[in-house]
Amino acid sequence: MYDLLENYCEFIMINLPCIRKHKECPDDINEAVSSLIFASARLGDLPELAAIRKFFSERYGQRFEKSALQLLPGNVVSYQVKAFFET
């Protein structure tokens, strides 16, 4: 799981210029961002995830954050991430 989360972080770093250009979360990074937000609430031992969650919540709004955290309809949290935390 940690490798997948690390890959999402690297993907976001690569796409920071795109993130800075858009007020809404671009579709191509939405899964990575949503999955990191979801994981942040379940992995308290990684304060970096809390910082990422705060950044994206401020950037894209609390509704975006809530959708990922609570797996609301339309969320795009990775199936692998959801499955990991279901067990």
C-alpha atoms as a PDB file:
ATOM      1  CA  MET A   1       0.000   0.000   0.000  1.00  0.00           C
ATOM      2  CA  TYR A   2       2.757   2.418   0.909  1.00  0.00           C
ATOM      3  CA  ASP A   3       4.339   1.967  -2.526  1.00  0.00           C
ATOM      4  CA  LEU A   4       1.066   2.893  -4.207  1.00  0.00           C
ATOM      5  CA  LEU A   5       0.674   5.983  -2.023  1.00  0.00           C
ATOM      6  CA  GLU A   6       4.261   6.960  -2.780  1.00  0.00           C
ATOM      7  CA  ASN A   7       3.562   6.596  -6.502  1.00  0.00           C
ATOM      8  CA  TYR A   8       0.524   8.859  -6.146  1.00  0.00           C
ATOM      9  CA  CYS A   9       2.680  11.454  -4.375  1.00  0.00           C
ATOM     10  CA  GLU A  10       5.289  11.315  -7.134  1.00  0.00           C
ATOM     11  CA  PHE A  11       2.570  11.606  -9.774  1.00  0.00           C
ATOM     12  CA  ILE A  12       1.185  14.693  -8.059  1.00  0.00           C
ATOM     13  CA  MET A  13       4.662  16.241  -7.831  1.00  0.00           C
ATOM     14  CA  ILE A  14       5.137  15.750 -11.567  1.00  0.00           C
ATOM     15  CA  ASN A  15       1.751  17.353 -12.224  1.00  0.00           C
ATOM     16  CA  LEU A  16       2.103  20.362  -9.913  1.00  0.00           C
ATOM     17  CA  PRO A  17       2.182  22.807 -12.856  1.00  0.00           C
ATOM     18  CA  CYS A  18      -1.185  21.431 -14.008  1.00  0.00           C
ATOM     19  CA  ILE A  19      -2.570  21.612 -10.466  1.00  0.00           C
ATOM     20  CA  ARG A  20      -1.517  25.244 -10.171  1.00  0.00           C
ATOM     21  CA  LYS A  21      -3.277  26.151 -13.430  1.00  0.00           C
ATOM     22  CA  HIS A  22      -6.697  24.727 -12.524  1.00  0.00           C
ATOM     23  CA  LYS A  23      -9.106  25.687  -9.777  1.00  0.00           C
ATOM     24  CA  GLU A  24     -10.906  22.350 -10.156  1.00  0.00           C
ATOM     25  CA  CYS A  25      -9.101  19.042  -9.763  1.00  0.00           C
ATOM     26  CA  PRO A  26      -8.056  17.845 -13.233  1.00  0.00           C
ATOM     27  CA  ASP A  27      -9.523  14.460 -14.143  1.00  0.00           C
ATOM     28  CA  ASP A  28      -6.130  12.897 -14.785  1.00  0.00           C
ATOM     29  CA  ILE A  29      -4.952  13.475 -11.201  1.00  0.00           C
ATOM     30  CA  ASN A  30      -8.285  13.123  -9.409  1.00  0.00           C
ATOM     31  CA  GLU A  31      -7.760   9.459  -8.490  1.00  0.00           C
ATOM     32  CA  ALA A  32      -4.350  10.155  -6.966  1.00  0.00           C
ATOM     33  CA  VAL A  33      -5.552  13.158  -4.976  1.00  0.00           C
ATOM     34  CA  SER A  34      -8.752  11.462  -3.803  1.00  0.00           C
ATOM     35  CA  SER A  35      -6.923   8.298  -2.796  1.00  0.00           C
ATOM     36  CA  LEU A  36      -4.359  10.235  -0.765  1.00  0.00           C
ATOM     37  CA  ILE A  37      -7.117  12.174   0.992  1.00  0.00           C
ATOM     38  CA  PHE A  38      -8.941   8.928   1.804  1.00  0.00           C
ATOM     39  CA  ALA A  39      -5.751   7.278   3.085  1.00  0.00           C
ATOM     40  CA  SER A  40      -4.815  10.316   5.182  1.00  0.00           C
ATOM     41  CA  ALA A  41      -7.755   9.706   7.514  1.00  0.00           C
ATOM     42  CA  ARG A  42      -6.725   6.095   8.004  1.00  0.00           C
ATOM     43  CA  LEU A  43      -2.947   6.373   8.327  1.00  0.00           C
ATOM     44  CA  GLY A  44      -2.337   8.700  11.236  1.00  0.00           C
ATOM     45  CA  ASP A  45       1.294   7.593  11.362  1.00  0.00           C
ATOM     46  CA  LEU A  46       1.989   9.609   8.193  1.00  0.00           C
ATOM     47  CA  PRO A  47       1.668  13.317   9.012  1.00  0.00           C
ATOM     48  CA  GLU A  48       2.668  14.132   5.439  1.00  0.00           C
ATOM     49  CA  LEU A  49      -0.665  12.758   4.274  1.00  0.00           C
ATOM     50  CA  ALA A  50      -2.464  15.106   6.654  1.00  0.00           C
ATOM     51  CA  ALA A  51      -0.575  18.014   5.085  1.00  0.00           C
ATOM     52  CA  ILE A  52      -1.495  16.812   1.589  1.00  0.00           C
ATOM     53  CA  ARG A  53      -5.132  16.484   2.639  1.00  0.00           C
ATOM     54  CA  LYS A  54      -5.158  20.011   4.067  1.00  0.00           C
ATOM     55  CA  PHE A  55      -3.552  21.443   0.921  1.00  0.00           C
ATOM     56  CA  PHE A  56      -6.063  19.833  -1.430  1.00  0.00           C
ATOM     57  CA  SER A  57      -9.017  20.604   0.827  1.00  0.00           C
ATOM     58  CA  GLU A  58      -8.050  24.272   0.756  1.00  0.00           C
ATOM     59  CA  ARG A  59      -7.423  24.121  -2.983  1.00  0.00           C
ATOM     60  CA  TYR A  60     -10.516  22.196  -4.110  1.00  0.00           C
ATOM     61  CA  GLY A  61     -12.912  22.708  -1.196  1.00  0.00           C
ATOM     62  CA  GLN A  62     -14.418  20.739   1.631  1.00  0.00           C
ATOM     63  CA  ARG A  63     -16.979  19.093  -0.632  1.00  0.00           C
ATOM     64  CA  PHE A  64     -14.170  17.545  -2.679  1.00  0.00           C
ATOM     65  CA  GLU A  65     -12.461  16.363   0.508  1.00  0.00           C
ATOM     66  CA  LYS A  66     -15.697  14.961   1.953  1.00  0.00           C
ATOM     67  CA  SER A  67     -16.440  13.034  -1.238  1.00  0.00           C
ATOM     68  CA  ALA A  68     -13.119  11.210  -0.962  1.00  0.00           C
ATOM     69  CA  LEU A  69     -13.192  10.710   2.806  1.00  0.00           C
ATOM     70  CA  GLN A  70     -16.720   9.348   2.951  1.00  0.00           C
ATOM     71  CA  LEU A  71     -16.674   7.583  -0.420  1.00  0.00           C
ATOM     72  CA  LEU A  72     -19.688   9.545  -1.574  1.00  0.00           C
ATOM     73  CA  PRO A  73     -21.229   8.712  -4.961  1.00  0.00           C
ATOM     74  CA  GLY A  74     -18.959   9.874  -7.745  1.00  0.00           C
ATOM     75  CA  ASN A  75     -15.750   9.556  -5.728  1.00  0.00           C
ATOM     76  CA  VAL A  76     -12.732   8.260  -7.613  1.00  0.00           C
ATOM     77  CA  VAL A  77     -10.723   6.765  -4.764  1.00  0.00           C
ATOM     78  CA  SER A  78      -8.683   3.886  -6.141  1.00  0.00           C
ATOM     79  CA  TYR A  79     -10.221   0.444  -5.797  1.00  0.00           C
ATOM     80  CA  GLN A  80      -6.889  -0.825  -4.433  1.00  0.00           C
ATOM     81  CA  VAL A  81      -6.848   1.807  -1.698  1.00  0.00           C
ATOM     82  CA  LYS A  82     -10.461   1.138  -0.725  1.00  0.00           C
ATOM     83  CA  ALA A  83      -9.878  -2.624  -0.664  1.00  0.00           C
ATOM     84  CA  PHE A  84      -6.770  -2.281   1.500  1.00  0.00           C
ATOM     85  CA  PHE A  85      -8.652  -0.415   4.205  1.00  0.00           C
ATOM     86  CA  GLU A  86     -11.688  -2.706   4.089  1.00  0.00           C
ATOM     87  CA  THR A  87      -9.671  -5.639   5.423  1.00  0.00           C
END
